Amino acid sequence: MSIFYDHRAKRPQIWTYPFFIILTAALFCLIYFYGMKKGVSTPSQPEVNSLSEGQDG
């Protein structure tokens, strides 16, 4: 017998629905908060205006 699929009922076992919903939400949150942490810790570079930097007039 499979731990994910109930052969008698011909459908996935009931515990798999909340398990995979929580797993998906947790992965999304981990990726989101890792990106936010990485964005805060990385210093931003100043914008360079290439038109006014090299020309005097």
N, C-alpha and C. Protein backbone atom coordinates (compact mmCIF):
# COMPACT_ATOMS: atom_id res chain seq x y z
N MET A 1 0.83 -1.18 0.00
CA MET A 1 0.00 0.00 0.00
C MET A 1 0.88 1.25 0.00
N SER A 2 0.48 2.22 -0.77
CA SER A 2 1.21 3.47 -0.87
C SER A 2 0.88 4.38 0.31
N ILE A 3 1.86 5.18 0.72
CA ILE A 3 1.60 6.11 1.82
C ILE A 3 0.87 7.36 1.34
N PHE A 4 0.84 7.61 0.04
CA PHE A 4 0.17 8.79 -0.50
C PHE A 4 -1.18 8.49 -1.12
N TYR A 5 -1.39 7.26 -1.59
CA TYR A 5 -2.60 6.93 -2.36
C TYR A 5 -3.35 5.77 -1.69
N ASP A 6 -4.64 5.95 -1.52
CA ASP A 6 -5.49 4.91 -0.95
C ASP A 6 -6.13 4.13 -2.10
N HIS A 7 -5.72 2.88 -2.28
CA HIS A 7 -6.19 2.08 -3.41
C HIS A 7 -7.66 1.68 -3.26
N ARG A 8 -8.13 1.55 -2.04
CA ARG A 8 -9.54 1.18 -1.85
C ARG A 8 -10.48 2.33 -2.21
N ALA A 9 -10.11 3.53 -1.80
CA ALA A 9 -10.96 4.69 -2.08
C ALA A 9 -10.67 5.30 -3.45
N LYS A 10 -9.60 4.86 -4.09
CA LYS A 10 -9.18 5.35 -5.41
C LYS A 10 -8.94 6.86 -5.41
N ARG A 11 -8.29 7.34 -4.36
CA ARG A 11 -7.94 8.75 -4.28
C ARG A 11 -6.78 8.91 -3.30
N PRO A 12 -6.15 10.07 -3.29
CA PRO A 12 -5.05 10.29 -2.33
C PRO A 12 -5.55 10.23 -0.89
N GLN A 13 -4.67 9.86 0.01
CA GLN A 13 -5.05 9.82 1.41
C GLN A 13 -5.31 11.24 1.90
N ILE A 14 -6.18 11.36 2.89
CA ILE A 14 -6.67 12.66 3.32
C ILE A 14 -5.57 13.54 3.91
N TRP A 15 -4.57 12.97 4.54
CA TRP A 15 -3.52 13.76 5.17
C TRP A 15 -2.59 14.40 4.16
N THR A 16 -2.61 13.93 2.90
CA THR A 16 -1.70 14.48 1.91
C THR A 16 -2.10 15.88 1.47
N TYR A 17 -3.38 16.21 1.51
CA TYR A 17 -3.83 17.54 1.08
C TYR A 17 -3.23 18.65 1.96
N PRO A 18 -3.47 18.64 3.28
CA PRO A 18 -2.87 19.71 4.10
C PRO A 18 -1.34 19.64 4.13
N PHE A 19 -0.78 18.44 4.06
CA PHE A 19 0.67 18.30 4.08
C PHE A 19 1.31 19.03 2.92
N PHE A 20 0.83 18.81 1.71
CA PHE A 20 1.44 19.43 0.54
C PHE A 20 1.08 20.91 0.42
N ILE A 21 -0.06 21.32 0.95
CA ILE A 21 -0.40 22.75 0.97
C ILE A 21 0.55 23.48 1.92
N ILE A 22 0.78 22.92 3.10
CA ILE A 22 1.70 23.53 4.06
C ILE A 22 3.13 23.50 3.52
N LEU A 23 3.53 22.42 2.89
CA LEU A 23 4.87 22.31 2.32
C LEU A 23 5.09 23.38 1.25
N THR A 24 4.11 23.58 0.38
CA THR A 24 4.22 24.59 -0.67
C THR A 24 4.29 25.99 -0.06
N ALA A 25 3.45 26.28 0.92
CA ALA A 25 3.46 27.60 1.56
C ALA A 25 4.79 27.84 2.28
N ALA A 26 5.32 26.81 2.92
CA ALA A 26 6.59 26.96 3.64
C ALA A 26 7.74 27.24 2.66
N LEU A 27 7.76 26.55 1.54
CA LEU A 27 8.81 26.80 0.54
C LEU A 27 8.70 28.22 -0.02
N PHE A 28 7.47 28.66 -0.29
CA PHE A 28 7.27 30.01 -0.79
C PHE A 28 7.77 31.03 0.23
N CYS A 29 7.43 30.84 1.49
CA CYS A 29 7.86 31.77 2.54
C CYS A 29 9.38 31.77 2.70
N LEU A 30 10.00 30.60 2.65
CA LEU A 30 11.45 30.53 2.77
C LEU A 30 12.14 31.28 1.64
N ILE A 31 11.67 31.10 0.42
CA ILE A 31 12.26 31.79 -0.73
C ILE A 31 12.03 33.29 -0.62
N TYR A 32 10.82 33.69 -0.23
CA TYR A 32 10.49 35.11 -0.12
C TYR A 32 11.33 35.79 0.95
N PHE A 33 11.39 35.20 2.15
CA PHE A 33 12.13 35.83 3.24
C PHE A 33 13.64 35.77 3.02
N TYR A 34 14.13 34.75 2.34
CA TYR A 34 15.55 34.71 1.98
C TYR A 34 15.88 35.86 1.03
N GLY A 35 15.01 36.08 0.05
CA GLY A 35 15.23 37.18 -0.88
C GLY A 35 15.16 38.54 -0.20
N MET A 36 14.21 38.70 0.73
CA MET A 36 14.12 39.97 1.46
C MET A 36 15.36 40.20 2.31
N LYS A 37 15.84 39.16 2.97
CA LYS A 37 17.04 39.27 3.80
C LYS A 37 18.26 39.59 2.94
N LYS A 38 18.35 38.94 1.79
CA LYS A 38 19.47 39.17 0.88
C LYS A 38 19.42 40.59 0.31
N GLY A 39 18.21 41.08 0.03
CA GLY A 39 18.06 42.43 -0.50
C GLY A 39 18.43 43.50 0.51
N VAL A 40 18.12 43.27 1.77
CA VAL A 40 18.46 44.25 2.81
C VAL A 40 19.96 44.25 3.08
N SER A 41 20.59 43.10 3.07
CA SER A 41 22.00 43.01 3.41
C SER A 41 22.91 43.45 2.27
N THR A 42 22.43 43.44 1.04
CA THR A 42 23.24 43.83 -0.11
C THR A 42 23.20 45.35 -0.26
N PRO A 43 24.35 46.03 -0.26
CA PRO A 43 24.32 47.48 -0.44
C PRO A 43 23.90 47.84 -1.86
N SER A 44 23.09 48.86 -1.96
CA SER A 44 22.63 49.26 -3.29
C SER A 44 23.69 50.11 -3.96
N GLN A 45 23.83 49.95 -5.27
CA GLN A 45 24.81 50.71 -6.03
C GLN A 45 24.14 51.98 -6.55
N PRO A 46 24.85 53.08 -6.53
CA PRO A 46 24.26 54.31 -7.05
C PRO A 46 24.04 54.22 -8.55
N GLU A 47 23.00 54.86 -9.02
CA GLU A 47 22.72 54.86 -10.44
C GLU A 47 23.72 55.75 -11.16
N VAL A 48 24.16 55.29 -12.31
CA VAL A 48 25.11 56.04 -13.10
C VAL A 48 24.39 56.56 -14.33
N ASN A 49 24.40 57.87 -14.49
CA ASN A 49 23.79 58.47 -15.66
C ASN A 49 24.88 58.64 -16.71
N SER A 50 24.89 57.79 -17.70
CA SER A 50 25.98 57.77 -18.67
C SER A 50 25.96 58.99 -19.58
N LEU A 51 24.86 59.67 -19.72
CA LEU A 51 24.80 60.84 -20.59
C LEU A 51 25.49 62.05 -19.97
N SER A 52 25.37 62.23 -18.66
CA SER A 52 25.95 63.42 -18.04
C SER A 52 27.32 63.18 -17.43
N GLU A 53 27.76 61.95 -17.30
CA GLU A 53 29.05 61.67 -16.67
C GLU A 53 30.23 62.08 -17.55
N GLY A 54 30.19 61.73 -18.81
CA GLY A 54 31.34 61.93 -19.67
C GLY A 54 31.28 63.19 -20.51
N GLN A 55 30.23 63.96 -20.45
CA GLN A 55 30.09 65.11 -21.31
C GLN A 55 29.94 66.37 -20.45
N ASP A 56 30.55 67.45 -20.91
CA ASP A 56 30.50 68.70 -20.17
C ASP A 56 29.42 69.64 -20.72
N GLY A 57 28.83 69.33 -21.78
CA GLY A 57 27.92 70.31 -22.28
C GLY A 57 26.85 69.74 -23.07
